[in-house]
C-alpha atoms as a PDB file:
ATOM      1  CA  MET A   1      13.597  22.410   6.420  1.00  0.00           C
ATOM      2  CA  SER A   2      11.463  19.262   6.145  1.00  0.00           C
ATOM      3  CA  GLU A   3      12.239  16.169   8.099  1.00  0.00           C
ATOM      4  CA  VAL A   4      13.258  13.020   6.191  1.00  0.00           C
ATOM      5  CA  LYS A   5      10.360  10.580   6.206  1.00  0.00           C
ATOM      6  CA  LEU A   6      11.730   7.628   4.224  1.00  0.00           C
ATOM      7  CA  ILE A   7      15.252   6.622   3.243  1.00  0.00           C
ATOM      8  CA  ALA A   8      16.155   3.684   1.032  1.00  0.00           C
ATOM      9  CA  LYS A   9      19.889   3.046   1.146  1.00  0.00           C
ATOM     10  CA  ASP A  10      21.740   0.620  -1.107  1.00  0.00           C
ATOM     11  CA  LEU A  11      18.730  -1.649  -1.748  1.00  0.00           C
ATOM     12  CA  GLU A  12      19.728  -4.826  -3.537  1.00  0.00           C
ATOM     13  CA  MET A  13      17.569  -7.663  -4.830  1.00  0.00           C
ATOM     14  CA  VAL A  14      18.379 -10.813  -6.751  1.00  0.00           C
ATOM     15  CA  PHE A  15      15.909 -13.132  -8.497  1.00  0.00           C
ATOM     16  CA  ASP A  16      17.075 -16.431  -9.988  1.00  0.00           C
ATOM     17  CA  GLY A  17      20.700 -15.341  -9.681  1.00  0.00           C
ATOM     18  CA  LYS A  18      20.042 -12.123 -11.624  1.00  0.00           C
ATOM     19  CA  CYS A  19      20.560  -8.718  -9.996  1.00  0.00           C
ATOM     20  CA  THR A  20      17.249  -6.862 -10.117  1.00  0.00           C
ATOM     21  CA  LEU A  21      18.173  -3.932  -7.870  1.00  0.00           C
ATOM     22  CA  ASN A  22      21.749  -2.732  -7.503  1.00  0.00           C
ATOM     23  CA  LYS A  23      22.294  -0.331  -4.581  1.00  0.00           C
ATOM     24  CA  VAL A  24      19.158   1.774  -5.112  1.00  0.00           C
ATOM     25  CA  CYS A  25      19.129   4.893  -2.927  1.00  0.00           C
ATOM     26  CA  PHE A  26      16.629   7.699  -2.380  1.00  0.00           C
ATOM     27  CA  GLU A  27      15.187   9.970   0.294  1.00  0.00           C
ATOM     28  CA  VAL A  28      11.640  11.247   0.495  1.00  0.00           C
ATOM     29  CA  MET A  29      10.947  14.219   2.722  1.00  0.00           C
ATOM     30  CA  ASP A  30       7.714  14.825   4.593  1.00  0.00           C
ATOM     31  CA  GLY A  31       5.090  16.094   2.133  1.00  0.00           C
ATOM     32  CA  GLU A  32       7.031  15.091  -0.995  1.00  0.00           C
ATOM     33  CA  PHE A  33       6.008  12.786  -3.809  1.00  0.00           C
ATOM     34  CA  LEU A  34       8.513  10.454  -5.438  1.00  0.00           C
ATOM     35  CA  SER A  35       7.915   8.903  -8.837  1.00  0.00           C
ATOM     36  CA  ILE A  36      10.050   6.020 -10.022  1.00  0.00           C
ATOM     37  CA  LEU A  37      10.078   5.727 -13.790  1.00  0.00           C
ATOM     38  CA  GLY A  38      11.562   3.078 -16.020  1.00  0.00           C
ATOM     39  CA  PRO A  39      10.829   0.355 -18.537  1.00  0.00           C
ATOM     40  CA  SER A  40       8.850  -2.750 -17.719  1.00  0.00           C
ATOM     41  CA  GLY A  41      10.876  -5.199 -15.663  1.00  0.00           C
ATOM     42  CA  CYS A  42      13.411  -2.692 -14.318  1.00  0.00           C
ATOM     43  CA  GLY A  43      12.450  -3.215 -10.640  1.00  0.00           C
ATOM     44  CA  LYS A  44       9.872  -0.509  -9.849  1.00  0.00           C
ATOM     45  CA  THR A  45       7.352  -2.954  -8.373  1.00  0.00           C
ATOM     46  CA  THR A  46      10.149  -4.795  -6.566  1.00  0.00           C
ATOM     47  CA  ILE A  47      11.120  -1.550  -4.816  1.00  0.00           C
ATOM     48  CA  LEU A  48       7.518  -1.014  -3.697  1.00  0.00           C
ATOM     49  CA  ARG A  49       7.191  -4.610  -2.468  1.00  0.00           C
ATOM     50  CA  ILE A  50      10.404  -4.171  -0.456  1.00  0.00           C
ATOM     51  CA  LEU A  51       9.232  -0.855   1.002  1.00  0.00           C
ATOM     52  CA  ILE A  52       5.876  -2.275   2.085  1.00  0.00           C
ATOM     53  CA  GLY A  53       7.558  -5.374   3.551  1.00  0.00           C
ATOM     54  CA  LEU A  54       6.350  -8.068   1.163  1.00  0.00           C
ATOM     55  CA  LEU A  55       9.903  -8.788  -0.019  1.00  0.00           C
ATOM     56  CA  LYS A  56      13.130  -8.735   1.965  1.00  0.00           C
ATOM     57  CA  PRO A  57      16.070  -7.162   0.141  1.00  0.00           C
ATOM     58  CA  VAL A  58      19.332  -9.106  -0.043  1.00  0.00           C
ATOM     59  CA  GLY A  59      21.104  -5.889   0.884  1.00  0.00           C
ATOM     60  CA  GLY A  60      20.451  -2.353   2.021  1.00  0.00           C
ATOM     61  CA  THR A  61      18.256  -0.662   4.576  1.00  0.00           C
ATOM     62  CA  ILE A  62      14.940   1.169   4.812  1.00  0.00           C
ATOM     63  CA  VAL A  63      14.623   3.904   7.421  1.00  0.00           C
ATOM     64  CA  LYS A  64      11.311   5.592   8.222  1.00  0.00           C
ATOM     65  CA  ASN A  65      11.324   8.607  10.514  1.00  0.00           C
ATOM     66  CA  GLY A  66      14.759   7.664  11.831  1.00  0.00           C
ATOM     67  CA  VAL A  67      13.873   4.022  12.580  1.00  0.00           C
ATOM     68  CA  ASP A  68      15.304   1.091  10.610  1.00  0.00           C
ATOM     69  CA  ILE A  69      12.262  -0.849   9.349  1.00  0.00           C
ATOM     70  CA  THR A  70      14.128  -3.185   7.017  1.00  0.00           C
ATOM     71  CA  ASN A  71      13.072  -6.239   9.033  1.00  0.00           C
ATOM     72  CA  ALA A  72       9.710  -4.919  10.256  1.00  0.00           C
ATOM     73  CA  THR A  73       6.501  -6.676   9.280  1.00  0.00           C
ATOM     74  CA  PRO A  74       4.173  -4.966   6.791  1.00  0.00           C
ATOM     75  CA  ALA A  75       1.766  -4.080   9.626  1.00  0.00           C
ATOM     76  CA  GLN A  76       4.563  -2.412  11.619  1.00  0.00           C
ATOM     77  CA  ARG A  77       5.521  -0.145   8.681  1.00  0.00           C
ATOM     78  CA  HIS A  78       2.227   1.812   8.660  1.00  0.00           C
ATOM     79  CA  MET A  79       2.189   2.139   4.874  1.00  0.00           C
ATOM     80  CA  GLY A  80      -0.558   1.611   2.342  1.00  0.00           C
ATOM     81  CA  ILE A  81      -0.218   0.260  -1.173  1.00  0.00           C
ATOM     82  CA  VAL A  82      -2.360   0.243  -4.282  1.00  0.00           C
ATOM     83  CA  PHE A  83      -1.218  -2.587  -6.517  1.00  0.00           C
ATOM     84  CA  GLN A  84      -1.185  -2.390 -10.300  1.00  0.00           C
ATOM     85  CA  ASN A  85      -3.778  -5.181 -10.520  1.00  0.00           C
ATOM     86  CA  TYR A  86      -5.786  -3.818  -7.523  1.00  0.00           C
ATOM     87  CA  ALA A  87      -5.448  -7.156  -5.603  1.00  0.00           C
ATOM     88  CA  LEU A  88      -9.088  -7.058  -4.511  1.00  0.00           C
ATOM     89  CA  PHE A  89     -10.618 -10.123  -2.893  1.00  0.00           C
ATOM     90  CA  GLU A  90     -13.133 -11.347  -5.474  1.00  0.00           C
ATOM     91  CA  ASN A  91     -15.181 -13.265  -2.877  1.00  0.00           C
ATOM     92  CA  MET A  92     -15.668 -10.162  -0.702  1.00  0.00           C
ATOM     93  CA  THR A  93     -17.980  -7.240  -1.280  1.00  0.00           C
ATOM     94  CA  VAL A  94     -16.591  -3.759  -1.879  1.00  0.00           C
ATOM     95  CA  VAL A  95     -17.144  -2.743   1.758  1.00  0.00           C
ATOM     96  CA  GLN A  96     -15.562  -5.986   3.001  1.00  0.00           C
ATOM     97  CA  ASN A  97     -12.493  -5.301   0.846  1.00  0.00           C
ATOM     98  CA  VAL A  98     -12.089  -1.876   2.461  1.00  0.00           C
ATOM     99  CA  GLU A  99     -12.783  -3.274   5.938  1.00  0.00           C
ATOM    100  CA  TYR A 100     -10.062  -5.890   5.502  1.00  0.00           C
ATOM    101  CA  ALA A 101      -7.245  -3.359   5.955  1.00  0.00           C
ATOM    102  CA  LEU A 102      -8.854  -2.151   9.177  1.00  0.00           C
ATOM    103  CA  LYS A 103      -9.850  -5.513  10.700  1.00  0.00           C
ATOM    104  CA  ILE A 104      -6.278  -6.788  10.962  1.00  0.00           C
ATOM    105  CA  ARG A 105      -5.362  -3.965  13.371  1.00  0.00           C
ATOM    106  CA  LYS A 106      -5.568  -5.016  17.025  1.00  0.00           C
ATOM    107  CA  GLU A 107      -7.336  -1.813  18.124  1.00  0.00           C
ATOM    108  CA  ASN A 108     -10.280  -2.801  15.908  1.00  0.00           C
ATOM    109  CA  LYS A 109     -11.134  -6.047  17.705  1.00  0.00           C
ATOM    110  CA  GLY A 110     -14.378  -6.558  19.625  1.00  0.00           C
ATOM    111  CA  ALA A 111     -17.893  -5.231  19.010  1.00  0.00           C
ATOM    112  CA  GLU A 112     -16.911  -1.548  19.233  1.00  0.00           C
ATOM    113  CA  GLY A 113     -13.979  -2.112  16.903  1.00  0.00           C
ATOM    114  CA  ARG A 114     -16.135  -3.886  14.316  1.00  0.00           C
ATOM    115  CA  LYS A 115     -18.642  -1.025  14.394  1.00  0.00           C
ATOM    116  CA  ALA A 116     -15.861   1.547  13.924  1.00  0.00           C
ATOM    117  CA  VAL A 117     -14.394  -0.502  11.062  1.00  0.00           C
ATOM    118  CA  ARG A 118     -17.743  -0.563   9.223  1.00  0.00           C
ATOM    119  CA  GLN A 119     -18.238   3.184   9.736  1.00  0.00           C
ATOM    120  CA  ARG A 120     -14.724   4.008   8.513  1.00  0.00           C
ATOM    121  CA  ALA A 121     -15.065   1.727   5.462  1.00  0.00           C
ATOM    122  CA  LEU A 122     -18.415   3.268   4.492  1.00  0.00           C
ATOM    123  CA  ALA A 123     -16.999   6.771   4.980  1.00  0.00           C
ATOM    124  CA  MET A 124     -14.102   5.949   2.641  1.00  0.00           C
ATOM    125  CA  LEU A 125     -16.510   4.605   0.020  1.00  0.00           C
ATOM    126  CA  GLU A 126     -18.627   7.749   0.347  1.00  0.00           C
ATOM    127  CA  GLN A 127     -15.550   9.941  -0.134  1.00  0.00           C
ATOM    128  CA  LEU A 128     -14.578   8.101  -3.301  1.00  0.00           C
ATOM    129  CA  GLY A 129     -18.097   8.024  -4.764  1.00  0.00           C
ATOM    130  CA  LEU A 130     -18.585   4.297  -4.253  1.00  0.00           C
ATOM    131  CA  ARG A 131     -21.141   4.129  -1.414  1.00  0.00           C
ATOM    132  CA  GLU A 132     -23.859   2.793  -3.732  1.00  0.00           C
ATOM    133  CA  HIS A 133     -21.555  -0.110  -4.682  1.00  0.00           C
ATOM    134  CA  ALA A 134     -20.758  -1.204  -1.102  1.00  0.00           C
ATOM    135  CA  ASP A 135     -22.532  -4.566  -1.363  1.00  0.00           C
ATOM    136  CA  LYS A 136     -21.334  -5.464  -4.869  1.00  0.00           C
ATOM    137  CA  LEU A 137     -18.510  -7.850  -5.686  1.00  0.00           C
ATOM    138  CA  PRO A 138     -15.452  -6.374  -7.442  1.00  0.00           C
ATOM    139  CA  SER A 139     -16.302  -8.241 -10.661  1.00  0.00           C
ATOM    140  CA  MET A 140     -19.472  -6.136 -10.924  1.00  0.00           C
ATOM    141  CA  LEU A 141     -17.468  -2.886 -11.100  1.00  0.00           C
ATOM    142  CA  SER A 142     -15.608  -1.137 -13.890  1.00  0.00           C
ATOM    143  CA  GLY A 143     -11.797  -1.046 -13.827  1.00  0.00           C
ATOM    144  CA  GLY A 144     -11.798   2.535 -12.583  1.00  0.00           C
ATOM    145  CA  GLN A 145     -14.244   1.692  -9.796  1.00  0.00           C
ATOM    146  CA  GLN A 146     -12.112  -1.293  -8.765  1.00  0.00           C
ATOM    147  CA  GLN A 147      -9.104   0.993  -8.635  1.00  0.00           C
ATOM    148  CA  ARG A 148     -10.977   3.387  -6.335  1.00  0.00           C
ATOM    149  CA  VAL A 149     -11.878   0.460  -4.054  1.00  0.00           C
ATOM    150  CA  ALA A 150      -8.187  -0.450  -3.905  1.00  0.00           C
ATOM    151  CA  ILE A 151      -7.358   3.184  -3.059  1.00  0.00           C
ATOM    152  CA  ALA A 152     -10.047   3.254  -0.354  1.00  0.00           C
ATOM    153  CA  ARG A 153      -8.597   0.084   1.172  1.00  0.00           C
ATOM    154  CA  ALA A 154      -5.066   1.485   1.038  1.00  0.00           C
ATOM    155  CA  ILE A 155      -5.931   4.761   2.771  1.00  0.00           C
ATOM    156  CA  ALA A 156      -8.652   3.529   5.170  1.00  0.00           C
ATOM    157  CA  HIS A 157      -6.178   2.948   8.005  1.00  0.00           C
ATOM    158  CA  ARG A 158      -4.583   6.378   7.480  1.00  0.00           C
ATOM    159  CA  PRO A 159      -1.085   5.216   6.508  1.00  0.00           C
ATOM    160  CA  ALA A 160       1.885   7.499   7.036  1.00  0.00           C
ATOM    161  CA  ILE A 161       3.087   6.632   3.523  1.00  0.00           C
ATOM    162  CA  LEU A 162       1.067   5.608   0.475  1.00  0.00           C
ATOM    163  CA  LEU A 163       2.696   3.598  -2.307  1.00  0.00           C
ATOM    164  CA  ALA A 164       1.060   3.213  -5.722  1.00  0.00           C
ATOM    165  CA  ASP A 165       2.096   0.828  -8.498  1.00  0.00           C
ATOM    166  CA  GLU A 166       0.980   2.193 -11.890  1.00  0.00           C
ATOM    167  CA  PRO A 167      -1.597   4.497 -10.254  1.00  0.00           C
ATOM    168  CA  THR A 168      -2.959   5.855 -13.529  1.00  0.00           C
ATOM    169  CA  GLY A 169      -3.334   2.479 -15.236  1.00  0.00           C
ATOM    170  CA  ASN A 170      -7.133   2.851 -15.419  1.00  0.00           C
END
């Protein structure tokens, strides 16, 4: 029997006095995929933003591997996310966008850390067929290439959980 990896229990969210999420519950076991389907505006992205730690729910809890992470910072949650609009930094090159997720981690500070960050970022770009675009700006890439850069950034730090908002949009 698989161990529970992520539990969302009674998640509630309110925007402008309107209930957006009303006691949403689910469990995701180790190795499982969960898809949340629904019409535009029903709260799918809100759930992801709560899970990753960008929004705080007005009610409910999030438990990851037996630990309540409801009030944990995004960095403490060890999750990755690919946003619907990619959320790439337009003023950074492709490799800098991928490096960004790695640079904020304390173990990657100093000269050795910076070298490891560059190597990991380039390896991710190689894996996703983007190595030749490393020094380009996101605006110079197609939508599909931008999406792969966003995926590379999301998985570069080897997150325990990967969240994707409209992952097949492009």
